[in-house]
Amino acid sequence: MDLHSVMCVSDLVRSLEWYEVFFGRKADELIGEEYLWQVGENAYVVIDARDVRSARVGGSMVTFGVSGPELSGALARFLEHGVAHGPVETYSNGVQHVEVLDPDGNSLSLAALP
């Protein structure tokens, strides 16, 4: 099974810059007007700013499972580029979780197992 999680955005230029910081790289692929970042073997996050998506802007939520070093690296990258995020929470089972909102309010969370 493949997964394409679409993040509907209002401003493509602004969102491209933001998602490049979030993922630490440029999009892996461009299909039509959609930019794709591969986040797993058959899993992609897509940003789409077409008018047909305007009613869904800001309503997406996705959580990425990452390692501890990946979480630390992402937080350092966010700080370096001025990307705000919520507090890093540590759950009773040791999982660390942080929510990051894109410029439109779409929620991208990072969760690291202990």
PDB file of N, CA and C in Angstrom:
ATOM      1  N   MET A   1       0.837  -1.174   0.000  1.00  0.00           N
ATOM      2  CA  MET A   1       0.000   0.000   0.000  1.00  0.00           C
ATOM      3  C   MET A   1       0.885   1.242   0.000  1.00  0.00           C
ATOM      4  N   ASP A   2       0.497   2.233  -0.778  1.00  0.00           N
ATOM      5  CA  ASP A   2       1.189   3.518  -0.823  1.00  0.00           C
ATOM      6  C   ASP A   2       0.389   4.548  -0.035  1.00  0.00           C
ATOM      7  N   LEU A   3       1.064   5.590   0.441  1.00  0.00           N
ATOM      8  CA  LEU A   3       0.401   6.656   1.175  1.00  0.00           C
ATOM      9  C   LEU A   3       0.854   7.992   0.606  1.00  0.00           C
ATOM     10  N   HIS A   4      -0.102   8.845   0.289  1.00  0.00           N
ATOM     11  CA  HIS A   4       0.153  10.223  -0.119  1.00  0.00           C
ATOM     12  C   HIS A   4      -0.692  11.112   0.780  1.00  0.00           C
ATOM     13  N   SER A   5      -0.055  11.785   1.731  1.00  0.00           N
ATOM     14  CA  SER A   5      -0.753  12.671   2.646  1.00  0.00           C
ATOM     15  C   SER A   5      -0.646  14.090   2.092  1.00  0.00           C
ATOM     16  N   VAL A   6      -1.783  14.668   1.717  1.00  0.00           N
ATOM     17  CA  VAL A   6      -1.795  15.982   1.077  1.00  0.00           C
ATOM     18  C   VAL A   6      -2.008  17.073   2.118  1.00  0.00           C
ATOM     19  N   MET A   7      -1.096  18.028   2.137  1.00  0.00           N
ATOM     20  CA  MET A   7      -1.193  19.201   2.990  1.00  0.00           C
ATOM     21  C   MET A   7      -1.633  20.349   2.082  1.00  0.00           C
ATOM     22  N   CYS A   8      -2.853  20.815   2.279  1.00  0.00           N
ATOM     23  CA  CYS A   8      -3.397  21.896   1.464  1.00  0.00           C
ATOM     24  C   CYS A   8      -2.884  23.222   2.012  1.00  0.00           C
ATOM     25  N   VAL A   9      -2.296  24.030   1.144  1.00  0.00           N
ATOM     26  CA  VAL A   9      -1.668  25.280   1.556  1.00  0.00           C
ATOM     27  C   VAL A   9      -2.198  26.434   0.710  1.00  0.00           C
ATOM     28  N   SER A  10      -2.047  27.652   1.232  1.00  0.00           N
ATOM     29  CA  SER A  10      -2.585  28.821   0.537  1.00  0.00           C
ATOM     30  C   SER A  10      -1.564  29.545  -0.323  1.00  0.00           C
ATOM     31  N   ASP A  11      -0.286  29.431   0.007  1.00  0.00           N
ATOM     32  CA  ASP A  11       0.764  30.167  -0.692  1.00  0.00           C
ATOM     33  C   ASP A  11       1.898  29.193  -1.010  1.00  0.00           C
ATOM     34  N   LEU A  12       2.020  28.830  -2.272  1.00  0.00           N
ATOM     35  CA  LEU A  12       2.983  27.800  -2.661  1.00  0.00           C
ATOM     36  C   LEU A  12       4.419  28.208  -2.373  1.00  0.00           C
ATOM     37  N   VAL A  13       4.799  29.431  -2.698  1.00  0.00           N
ATOM     38  CA  VAL A  13       6.183  29.867  -2.493  1.00  0.00           C
ATOM     39  C   VAL A  13       6.546  29.823  -1.014  1.00  0.00           C
ATOM     40  N   ARG A  14       5.697  30.411  -0.177  1.00  0.00           N
ATOM     41  CA  ARG A  14       5.946  30.414   1.274  1.00  0.00           C
ATOM     42  C   ARG A  14       6.005  28.988   1.815  1.00  0.00           C
ATOM     43  N   SER A  15       5.081  28.150   1.363  1.00  0.00           N
ATOM     44  CA  SER A  15       5.018  26.772   1.857  1.00  0.00           C
ATOM     45  C   SER A  15       6.214  25.952   1.402  1.00  0.00           C
ATOM     46  N   LEU A  16       6.658  26.134   0.177  1.00  0.00           N
ATOM     47  CA  LEU A  16       7.852  25.413  -0.292  1.00  0.00           C
ATOM     48  C   LEU A  16       9.040  25.720   0.608  1.00  0.00           C
ATOM     49  N   GLU A  17       9.245  26.987   0.918  1.00  0.00           N
ATOM     50  CA  GLU A  17      10.355  27.364   1.798  1.00  0.00           C
ATOM     51  C   GLU A  17      10.208  26.712   3.164  1.00  0.00           C
ATOM     52  N   TRP A  18       8.998  26.740   3.732  1.00  0.00           N
ATOM     53  CA  TRP A  18       8.762  26.190   5.056  1.00  0.00           C
ATOM     54  C   TRP A  18       8.982  24.676   5.068  1.00  0.00           C
ATOM     55  N   TYR A  19       8.414  23.964   4.097  1.00  0.00           N
ATOM     56  CA  TYR A  19       8.540  22.505   4.065  1.00  0.00           C
ATOM     57  C   TYR A  19       9.970  22.074   3.770  1.00  0.00           C
ATOM     58  N   GLU A  20      10.714  22.867   3.024  1.00  0.00           N
ATOM     59  CA  GLU A  20      12.125  22.548   2.805  1.00  0.00           C
ATOM     60  C   GLU A  20      12.892  22.609   4.118  1.00  0.00           C
ATOM     61  N   VAL A  21      12.561  23.563   4.978  1.00  0.00           N
ATOM     62  CA  VAL A  21      13.183  23.618   6.304  1.00  0.00           C
ATOM     63  C   VAL A  21      12.706  22.434   7.138  1.00  0.00           C
ATOM     64  N   PHE A  22      11.399  22.175   7.152  1.00  0.00           N
ATOM     65  CA  PHE A  22      10.862  21.087   7.964  1.00  0.00           C
ATOM     66  C   PHE A  22      11.548  19.758   7.623  1.00  0.00           C
ATOM     67  N   PHE A  23      11.639  19.449   6.332  1.00  0.00           N
ATOM     68  CA  PHE A  23      12.230  18.171   5.919  1.00  0.00           C
ATOM     69  C   PHE A  23      13.742  18.230   5.752  1.00  0.00           C
ATOM     70  N   GLY A  24      14.312  19.420   5.746  1.00  0.00           N
ATOM     71  CA  GLY A  24      15.767  19.552   5.602  1.00  0.00           C
ATOM     72  C   GLY A  24      16.250  19.343   4.187  1.00  0.00           C
ATOM     73  N   ARG A  25      15.336  19.458   3.222  1.00  0.00           N
ATOM     74  CA  ARG A  25      15.717  19.262   1.812  1.00  0.00           C
ATOM     75  C   ARG A  25      14.588  19.762   0.910  1.00  0.00           C
ATOM     76  N   LYS A  26      14.924  19.942  -0.341  1.00  0.00           N
ATOM     77  CA  LYS A  26      13.925  20.308  -1.339  1.00  0.00           C
ATOM     78  C   LYS A  26      13.012  19.114  -1.602  1.00  0.00           C
ATOM     79  N   ALA A  27      11.878  19.371  -2.220  1.00  0.00           N
ATOM     80  CA  ALA A  27      10.950  18.293  -2.566  1.00  0.00           C
ATOM     81  C   ALA A  27      11.664  17.250  -3.420  1.00  0.00           C
ATOM     82  N   ASP A  28      11.282  16.001  -3.229  1.00  0.00           N
ATOM     83  CA  ASP A  28      11.881  14.912  -3.986  1.00  0.00           C
ATOM     84  C   ASP A  28      11.307  14.800  -5.392  1.00  0.00           C
ATOM     85  N   GLU A  29      10.106  15.325  -5.574  1.00  0.00           N
ATOM     86  CA  GLU A  29       9.433  15.137  -6.848  1.00  0.00           C
ATOM     87  C   GLU A  29       8.393  16.236  -7.047  1.00  0.00           C
ATOM     88  N   LEU A  30       8.161  16.591  -8.294  1.00  0.00           N
ATOM     89  CA  LEU A  30       7.104  17.523  -8.667  1.00  0.00           C
ATOM     90  C   LEU A  30       6.224  16.810  -9.677  1.00  0.00           C
ATOM     91  N   ILE A  31       4.948  16.693  -9.361  1.00  0.00           N
ATOM     92  CA  ILE A  31       3.984  16.069 -10.274  1.00  0.00           C
ATOM     93  C   ILE A  31       2.884  17.101 -10.513  1.00  0.00           C
ATOM     94  N   GLY A  32       2.822  17.622 -11.718  1.00  0.00           N
ATOM     95  CA  GLY A  32       1.866  18.692 -12.004  1.00  0.00           C
ATOM     96  C   GLY A  32       2.209  19.890 -11.151  1.00  0.00           C
ATOM     97  N   GLU A  33       1.294  20.279 -10.279  1.00  0.00           N
ATOM     98  CA  GLU A  33       1.506  21.413  -9.381  1.00  0.00           C
ATOM     99  C   GLU A  33       1.691  20.968  -7.936  1.00  0.00           C
ATOM    100  N   GLU A  34       1.899  19.671  -7.719  1.00  0.00           N
ATOM    101  CA  GLU A  34       2.065  19.123  -6.371  1.00  0.00           C
ATOM    102  C   GLU A  34       3.538  18.784  -6.125  1.00  0.00           C
ATOM    103  N   TYR A  35       4.024  19.195  -4.956  1.00  0.00           N
ATOM    104  CA  TYR A  35       5.400  18.907  -4.549  1.00  0.00           C
ATOM    105  C   TYR A  35       5.371  17.776  -3.536  1.00  0.00           C
ATOM    106  N   LEU A  36       6.236  16.774  -3.734  1.00  0.00           N
ATOM    107  CA  LEU A  36       6.223  15.569  -2.904  1.00  0.00           C
ATOM    108  C   LEU A  36       7.557  15.366  -2.194  1.00  0.00           C
ATOM    109  N   TRP A  37       7.471  15.036  -0.904  1.00  0.00           N
ATOM    110  CA  TRP A  37       8.626  14.601  -0.120  1.00  0.00           C
ATOM    111  C   TRP A  37       8.394  13.141   0.230  1.00  0.00           C
ATOM    112  N   GLN A  38       9.352  12.303  -0.108  1.00  0.00           N
ATOM    113  CA  GLN A  38       9.237  10.896   0.245  1.00  0.00           C
ATOM    114  C   GLN A  38       9.652  10.741   1.704  1.00  0.00           C
ATOM    115  N   VAL A  39       8.750  10.162   2.510  1.00  0.00           N
ATOM    116  CA  VAL A  39       8.992  10.031   3.940  1.00  0.00           C
ATOM    117  C   VAL A  39       9.059   8.571   4.386  1.00  0.00           C
ATOM    118  N   GLY A  40       8.902   7.663   3.460  1.00  0.00           N
ATOM    119  CA  GLY A  40       8.968   6.230   3.719  1.00  0.00           C
ATOM    120  C   GLY A  40       9.083   5.518   2.385  1.00  0.00           C
ATOM    121  N   GLU A  41       9.205   4.207   2.428  1.00  0.00           N
ATOM    122  CA  GLU A  41       9.402   3.456   1.186  1.00  0.00           C
ATOM    123  C   GLU A  41       8.337   3.774   0.147  1.00  0.00           C
ATOM    124  N   ASN A  42       7.096   3.817   0.542  1.00  0.00           N
ATOM    125  CA  ASN A  42       5.991   4.140  -0.358  1.00  0.00           C
ATOM    126  C   ASN A  42       5.080   5.188   0.260  1.00  0.00           C
ATOM    127  N   ALA A  43       5.660   6.146   0.975  1.00  0.00           N
ATOM    128  CA  ALA A  43       4.884   7.164   1.681  1.00  0.00           C
ATOM    129  C   ALA A  43       5.410   8.555   1.344  1.00  0.00           C
ATOM    130  N   TYR A  44       4.489   9.452   1.054  1.00  0.00           N
ATOM    131  CA  TYR A  44       4.839  10.797   0.629  1.00  0.00           C
ATOM    132  C   TYR A  44       3.981  11.836   1.345  1.00  0.00           C
ATOM    133  N   VAL A  45       4.579  13.006   1.596  1.00  0.00           N
ATOM    134  CA  VAL A  45       3.832  14.185   2.002  1.00  0.00           C
ATOM    135  C   VAL A  45       3.824  15.095   0.785  1.00  0.00           C
ATOM    136  N   VAL A  46       2.636  15.582   0.468  1.00  0.00           N
ATOM    137  CA  VAL A  46       2.422  16.384  -0.730  1.00  0.00           C
ATOM    138  C   VAL A  46       1.908  17.757  -0.302  1.00  0.00           C
ATOM    139  N   ILE A  47       2.444  18.821  -0.896  1.00  0.00           N
ATOM    140  CA  ILE A  47       1.810  20.122  -0.687  1.00  0.00           C
ATOM    141  C   ILE A  47       1.130  20.532  -1.982  1.00  0.00           C
ATOM    142  N   ASP A  48      -0.048  21.108  -1.808  1.00  0.00           N
ATOM    143  CA  ASP A  48      -0.894  21.456  -2.948  1.00  0.00           C
ATOM    144  C   ASP A  48      -1.568  22.790  -2.656  1.00  0.00           C
ATOM    145  N   ALA A  49      -1.319  23.780  -3.498  1.00  0.00           N
ATOM    146  CA  ALA A  49      -1.886  25.124  -3.311  1.00  0.00           C
ATOM    147  C   ALA A  49      -2.924  25.468  -4.376  1.00  0.00           C
ATOM    148  N   ARG A  50      -3.379  24.481  -5.115  1.00  0.00           N
ATOM    149  CA  ARG A  50      -4.358  24.771  -6.166  1.00  0.00           C
ATOM    150  C   ARG A  50      -5.680  25.241  -5.562  1.00  0.00           C
ATOM    151  N   ASP A  51      -6.384  26.066  -6.308  1.00  0.00           N
ATOM    152  CA  ASP A  51      -7.670  26.599  -5.840  1.00  0.00           C
ATOM    153  C   ASP A  51      -8.648  25.494  -5.456  1.00  0.00           C
ATOM    154  N   VAL A  52      -8.577  24.362  -6.146  1.00  0.00           N
ATOM    155  CA  VAL A  52      -9.491  23.255  -5.852  1.00  0.00           C
ATOM    156  C   VAL A  52      -9.327  22.748  -4.416  1.00  0.00           C
ATOM    157  N   ARG A  53      -8.217  23.039  -3.777  1.00  0.00           N
ATOM    158  CA  ARG A  53      -7.941  22.602  -2.400  1.00  0.00           C
ATOM    159  C   ARG A  53      -8.216  23.694  -1.368  1.00  0.00           C
ATOM    160  N   SER A  54      -8.622  24.881  -1.785  1.00  0.00           N
ATOM    161  CA  SER A  54      -8.682  26.030  -0.876  1.00  0.00           C
ATOM    162  C   SER A  54      -9.574  25.809   0.345  1.00  0.00           C
ATOM    163  N   ALA A  55     -10.635  25.043   0.220  1.00  0.00           N
ATOM    164  CA  ALA A  55     -11.525  24.812   1.365  1.00  0.00           C
ATOM    165  C   ALA A  55     -10.869  23.942   2.434  1.00  0.00           C
ATOM    166  N   ARG A  56      -9.796  23.250   2.091  1.00  0.00           N
ATOM    167  CA  ARG A  56      -9.150  22.336   3.039  1.00  0.00           C
ATOM    168  C   ARG A  56      -7.858  22.894   3.637  1.00  0.00           C
ATOM    169  N   VAL A  57      -7.485  24.113   3.268  1.00  0.00           N
ATOM    170  CA  VAL A  57      -6.242  24.695   3.763  1.00  0.00           C
ATOM    171  C   VAL A  57      -6.251  24.739   5.286  1.00  0.00           C
ATOM    172  N   GLY A  58      -5.160  24.253   5.882  1.00  0.00           N
ATOM    173  CA  GLY A  58      -4.981  24.334   7.325  1.00  0.00           C
ATOM    174  C   GLY A  58      -5.639  23.229   8.124  1.00  0.00           C
ATOM    175  N   GLY A  59      -6.272  22.273   7.480  1.00  0.00           N
ATOM    176  CA  GLY A  59      -7.007  21.248   8.208  1.00  0.00           C
ATOM    177  C   GLY A  59      -6.338  19.897   8.296  1.00  0.00           C
ATOM    178  N   SER A  60      -5.075  19.803   7.883  1.00  0.00           N
ATOM    179  CA  SER A  60      -4.412  18.492   7.866  1.00  0.00           C
ATOM    180  C   SER A  60      -3.611  18.249   9.136  1.00  0.00           C
ATOM    181  N   MET A  61      -3.502  16.956   9.497  1.00  0.00           N
ATOM    182  CA  MET A  61      -2.689  16.536  10.643  1.00  0.00           C
ATOM    183  C   MET A  61      -1.954  15.265  10.254  1.00  0.00           C
ATOM    184  N   VAL A  62      -0.663  15.219  10.573  1.00  0.00           N
ATOM    185  CA  VAL A  62       0.126  14.018  10.323  1.00  0.00           C
ATOM    186  C   VAL A  62       1.194  13.929  11.415  1.00  0.00           C
ATOM    187  N   THR A  63       1.492  12.700  11.817  1.00  0.00           N
ATOM    188  CA  THR A  63       2.546  12.470  12.808  1.00  0.00           C
ATOM    189  C   THR A  63       3.601  11.561  12.195  1.00  0.00           C
ATOM    190  N   PHE A  64       4.865  11.936  12.373  1.00  0.00           N
ATOM    191  CA  PHE A  64       5.987  11.162  11.863  1.00  0.00           C
ATOM    192  C   PHE A  64       6.706  10.495  13.029  1.00  0.00           C
ATOM    193  N   GLY A  65       6.945   9.211  12.931  1.00  0.00           N
ATOM    194  CA  GLY A  65       7.766   8.517  13.906  1.00  0.00           C
ATOM    195  C   GLY A  65       9.228   8.731  13.531  1.00  0.00           C
ATOM    196  N   VAL A  66      10.012   9.250  14.461  1.00  0.00           N
ATOM    197  CA  VAL A  66      11.426   9.542  14.206  1.00  0.00           C
ATOM    198  C   VAL A  66      12.270   8.975  15.341  1.00  0.00           C
ATOM    199  N   SER A  67      13.566   8.917  15.116  1.00  0.00           N
ATOM    200  CA  SER A  67      14.486   8.509  16.179  1.00  0.00           C
ATOM    201  C   SER A  67      14.803   9.726  17.040  1.00  0.00           C
ATOM    202  N   GLY A  68      15.388   9.489  18.196  1.00  0.00           N
ATOM    203  CA  GLY A  68      15.805  10.586  19.065  1.00  0.00           C
ATOM    204  C   GLY A  68      16.751  11.560  18.374  1.00  0.00           C
ATOM    205  N   PRO A  69      17.799  11.050  17.703  1.00  0.00           N
ATOM    206  CA  PRO A  69      18.701  11.964  16.987  1.00  0.00           C
ATOM    207  C   PRO A  69      17.995  12.727  15.855  1.00  0.00           C
ATOM    208  N   GLU A  70      17.044  12.103  15.190  1.00  0.00           N
ATOM    209  CA  GLU A  70      16.294  12.810  14.147  1.00  0.00           C
ATOM    210  C   GLU A  70      15.470  13.944  14.749  1.00  0.00           C
ATOM    211  N   LEU A  71      14.861  13.699  15.911  1.00  0.00           N
ATOM    212  CA  LEU A  71      14.093  14.734  16.597  1.00  0.00           C
ATOM    213  C   LEU A  71      15.007  15.894  16.988  1.00  0.00           C
ATOM    214  N   SER A  72      16.141  15.580  17.582  1.00  0.00           N
ATOM    215  CA  SER A  72      17.091  16.631  17.983  1.00  0.00           C
ATOM    216  C   SER A  72      17.567  17.438  16.788  1.00  0.00           C
ATOM    217  N   GLY A  73      17.874  16.753  15.695  1.00  0.00           N
ATOM    218  CA  GLY A  73      18.327  17.436  14.481  1.00  0.00           C
ATOM    219  C   GLY A  73      17.250  18.340  13.913  1.00  0.00           C
ATOM    220  N   ALA A  74      16.010  17.860  13.912  1.00  0.00           N
ATOM    221  CA  ALA A  74      14.900  18.670  13.398  1.00  0.00           C
ATOM    222  C   ALA A  74      14.707  19.909  14.262  1.00  0.00           C
ATOM    223  N   LEU A  75      14.744  19.751  15.587  1.00  0.00           N
ATOM    224  CA  LEU A  75      14.551  20.894  16.482  1.00  0.00           C
ATOM    225  C   LEU A  75      15.654  21.931  16.291  1.00  0.00           C
ATOM    226  N   ALA A  76      16.881  21.483  16.098  1.00  0.00           N
ATOM    227  CA  ALA A  76      17.996  22.411  15.850  1.00  0.00           C
ATOM    228  C   ALA A  76      17.788  23.143  14.522  1.00  0.00           C
ATOM    229  N   ARG A  77      17.344  22.434  13.503  1.00  0.00           N
ATOM    230  CA  ARG A  77      17.089  23.041  12.186  1.00  0.00           C
ATOM    231  C   ARG A  77      15.965  24.070  12.289  1.00  0.00           C
ATOM    232  N   PHE A  78      14.907  23.739  13.034  1.00  0.00           N
ATOM    233  CA  PHE A  78      13.796  24.671  13.208  1.00  0.00           C
ATOM    234  C   PHE A  78      14.286  25.956  13.884  1.00  0.00           C
ATOM    235  N   LEU A  79      15.077  25.796  14.933  1.00  0.00           N
ATOM    236  CA  LEU A  79      15.610  26.949  15.658  1.00  0.00           C
ATOM    237  C   LEU A  79      16.458  27.820  14.735  1.00  0.00           C
ATOM    238  N   GLU A  80      17.311  27.178  13.956  1.00  0.00           N
ATOM    239  CA  GLU A  80      18.205  27.900  13.041  1.00  0.00           C
ATOM    240  C   GLU A  80      17.422  28.718  12.014  1.00  0.00           C
ATOM    241  N   HIS A  81      16.265  28.223  11.597  1.00  0.00           N
ATOM    242  CA  HIS A  81      15.493  28.877  10.532  1.00  0.00           C
ATOM    243  C   HIS A  81      14.248  29.605  11.054  1.00  0.00           C
ATOM    244  N   GLY A  82      14.100  29.703  12.368  1.00  0.00           N
ATOM    245  CA  GLY A  82      12.989  30.452  12.929  1.00  0.00           C
ATOM    246  C   GLY A  82      11.632  29.776  12.788  1.00  0.00           C
ATOM    247  N   VAL A  83      11.617  28.452  12.697  1.00  0.00           N
ATOM    248  CA  VAL A  83      10.356  27.715  12.615  1.00  0.00           C
ATOM    249  C   VAL A  83       9.880  27.411  14.038  1.00  0.00           C
ATOM    250  N   ALA A  84       8.729  27.979  14.394  1.00  0.00           N
ATOM    251  CA  ALA A  84       8.180  27.790  15.737  1.00  0.00           C
ATOM    252  C   ALA A  84       7.582  26.396  15.880  1.00  0.00           C
ATOM    253  N   HIS A  85       7.580  25.909  17.104  1.00  0.00           N
ATOM    254  CA  HIS A  85       6.946  24.615  17.402  1.00  0.00           C
ATOM    255  C   HIS A  85       6.441  24.645  18.833  1.00  0.00           C
ATOM    256  N   GLY A  86       5.583  23.703  19.140  1.00  0.00           N
ATOM    257  CA  GLY A  86       5.071  23.581  20.493  1.00  0.00           C
ATOM    258  C   GLY A  86       6.140  23.018  21.415  1.00  0.00           C
ATOM    259  N   PRO A  87       5.800  22.856  22.678  1.00  0.00           N
ATOM    260  CA  PRO A  87       6.759  22.279  23.623  1.00  0.00           C
ATOM    261  C   PRO A  87       7.006  20.802  23.310  1.00  0.00           C
ATOM    262  N   VAL A  88       8.194  20.352  23.628  1.00  0.00           N
ATOM    263  CA  VAL A  88       8.498  18.924  23.510  1.00  0.00           C
ATOM    264  C   VAL A  88       7.951  18.257  24.759  1.00  0.00           C
ATOM    265  N   GLU A  89       6.992  17.379  24.553  1.00  0.00           N
ATOM    266  CA  GLU A  89       6.380  16.664  25.667  1.00  0.00           C
ATOM    267  C   GLU A  89       7.011  15.279  25.763  1.00  0.00           C
ATOM    268  N   THR A  90       7.154  14.778  26.978  1.00  0.00           N
ATOM    269  CA  THR A  90       7.597  13.406  27.181  1.00  0.00           C
ATOM    270  C   THR A  90       6.471  12.674  27.890  1.00  0.00           C
ATOM    271  N   TYR A  91       5.932  11.664  27.224  1.00  0.00           N
ATOM    272  CA  TYR A  91       4.815  10.901  27.761  1.00  0.00           C
ATOM    273  C   TYR A  91       5.314   9.882  28.780  1.00  0.00           C
ATOM    274  N   SER A  92       4.402   9.318  29.546  1.00  0.00           N
ATOM    275  CA  SER A  92       4.763   8.361  30.603  1.00  0.00           C
ATOM    276  C   SER A  92       5.483   7.136  30.047  1.00  0.00           C
ATOM    277  N   ASN A  93       5.276   6.819  28.769  1.00  0.00           N
ATOM    278  CA  ASN A  93       5.967   5.672  28.162  1.00  0.00           C
ATOM    279  C   ASN A  93       7.317   6.068  27.570  1.00  0.00           C
ATOM    280  N   GLY A  94       7.734   7.326  27.752  1.00  0.00           N
ATOM    281  CA  GLY A  94       9.036   7.790  27.286  1.00  0.00           C
ATOM    282  C   GLY A  94       9.034   8.403  25.892  1.00  0.00           C
ATOM    283  N   VAL A  95       7.931   8.330  25.178  1.00  0.00           N
ATOM    284  CA  VAL A  95       7.852   8.926  23.847  1.00  0.00           C
ATOM    285  C   VAL A  95       7.942  10.440  23.971  1.00  0.00           C
ATOM    286  N   GLN A  96       8.788  11.039  23.142  1.00  0.00           N
ATOM    287  CA  GLN A  96       8.868  12.492  23.057  1.00  0.00           C
ATOM    288  C   GLN A  96       8.049  12.932  21.853  1.00  0.00           C
ATOM    289  N   HIS A  97       7.256  13.990  22.031  1.00  0.00           N
ATOM    290  CA  HIS A  97       6.338  14.444  20.987  1.00  0.00           C
ATOM    291  C   HIS A  97       6.392  15.963  20.896  1.00  0.00           C
ATOM    292  N   VAL A  98       6.402  16.472  19.663  1.00  0.00           N
ATOM    293  CA  VAL A  98       6.340  17.914  19.446  1.00  0.00           C
ATOM    294  C   VAL A  98       5.462  18.185  18.233  1.00  0.00           C
ATOM    295  N   GLU A  99       4.621  19.198  18.355  1.00  0.00           N
ATOM    296  CA  GLU A  99       3.763  19.593  17.240  1.00  0.00           C
ATOM    297  C   GLU A  99       4.340  20.840  16.580  1.00  0.00           C
ATOM    298  N   VAL A 100       4.343  20.820  15.245  1.00  0.00           N
ATOM    299  CA  VAL A 100       4.826  21.941  14.458  1.00  0.00           C
ATOM    300  C   VAL A 100       3.705  22.328  13.497  1.00  0.00           C
ATOM    301  N   LEU A 101       3.342  23.606  13.478  1.00  0.00           N
ATOM    302  CA  LEU A 101       2.294  24.074  12.577  1.00  0.00           C
ATOM    303  C   LEU A 101       2.922  24.784  11.391  1.00  0.00           C
ATOM    304  N   ASP A 102       2.483  24.419  10.187  1.00  0.00           N
ATOM    305  CA  ASP A 102       2.966  25.126   9.004  1.00  0.00           C
ATOM    306  C   ASP A 102       2.308  26.506   8.957  1.00  0.00           C
ATOM    307  N   PRO A 103       2.678  27.369   8.011  1.00  0.00           N
ATOM    308  CA  PRO A 103       2.119  28.726   7.981  1.00  0.00           C
ATOM    309  C   PRO A 103       0.597  28.783   7.860  1.00  0.00           C
ATOM    310  N   ASP A 104      -0.041  27.720   7.404  1.00  0.00           N
ATOM    311  CA  ASP A 104      -1.492  27.687   7.268  1.00  0.00           C
ATOM    312  C   ASP A 104      -2.183  27.001   8.450  1.00  0.00           C
ATOM    313  N   GLY A 105      -1.406  26.470   9.403  1.00  0.00           N
ATOM    314  CA  GLY A 105      -1.990  25.793  10.550  1.00  0.00           C
ATOM    315  C   GLY A 105      -2.106  24.296  10.404  1.00  0.00           C
ATOM    316  N   ASN A 106      -1.608  23.718   9.306  1.00  0.00           N
ATOM    317  CA  ASN A 106      -1.557  22.258   9.202  1.00  0.00           C
ATOM    318  C   ASN A 106      -0.598  21.745  10.272  1.00  0.00           C
ATOM    319  N   SER A 107      -0.959  20.648  10.918  1.00  0.00           N
ATOM    320  CA  SER A 107      -0.187  20.111  12.029  1.00  0.00           C
ATOM    321  C   SER A 107       0.705  18.969  11.559  1.00  0.00           C
ATOM    322  N   LEU A 108       2.005  19.124  11.790  1.00  0.00           N
ATOM    323  CA  LEU A 108       2.975  18.074  11.519  1.00  0.00           C
ATOM    324  C   LEU A 108       3.674  17.793  12.840  1.00  0.00           C
ATOM    325  N   SER A 109       3.464  16.600  13.381  1.00  0.00           N
ATOM    326  CA  SER A 109       4.064  16.255  14.664  1.00  0.00           C
ATOM    327  C   SER A 109       5.204  15.272  14.464  1.00  0.00           C
ATOM    328  N   LEU A 110       6.162  15.349  15.367  1.00  0.00           N
ATOM    329  CA  LEU A 110       7.276  14.404  15.403  1.00  0.00           C
ATOM    330  C   LEU A 110       7.173  13.645  16.715  1.00  0.00           C
ATOM    331  N   ALA A 111       7.287  12.329  16.655  1.00  0.00           N
ATOM    332  CA  ALA A 111       7.228  11.488  17.853  1.00  0.00           C
ATOM    333  C   ALA A 111       8.429  10.554  17.842  1.00  0.00           C
ATOM    334  N   ALA A 112       9.213  10.608  18.903  1.00  0.00           N
ATOM    335  CA  ALA A 112      10.417   9.781  19.014  1.00  0.00           C
ATOM    336  C   ALA A 112      10.252   8.776  20.140  1.00  0.00           C
ATOM    337  N   LEU A 113      10.475   7.512  19.804  1.00  0.00           N
ATOM    338  CA  LEU A 113      10.459   6.461  20.813  1.00  0.00           C
ATOM    339  C   LEU A 113      11.668   6.579  21.704  1.00  0.00           C
ATOM    340  N   PRO A 114      11.557   6.148  22.972  1.00  0.00           N
ATOM    341  CA  PRO A 114      12.700   6.232  23.884  1.00  0.00           C
ATOM    342  C   PRO A 114      13.815   5.276  23.464  1.00  0.00           C
TER     343      PRO A 114
END
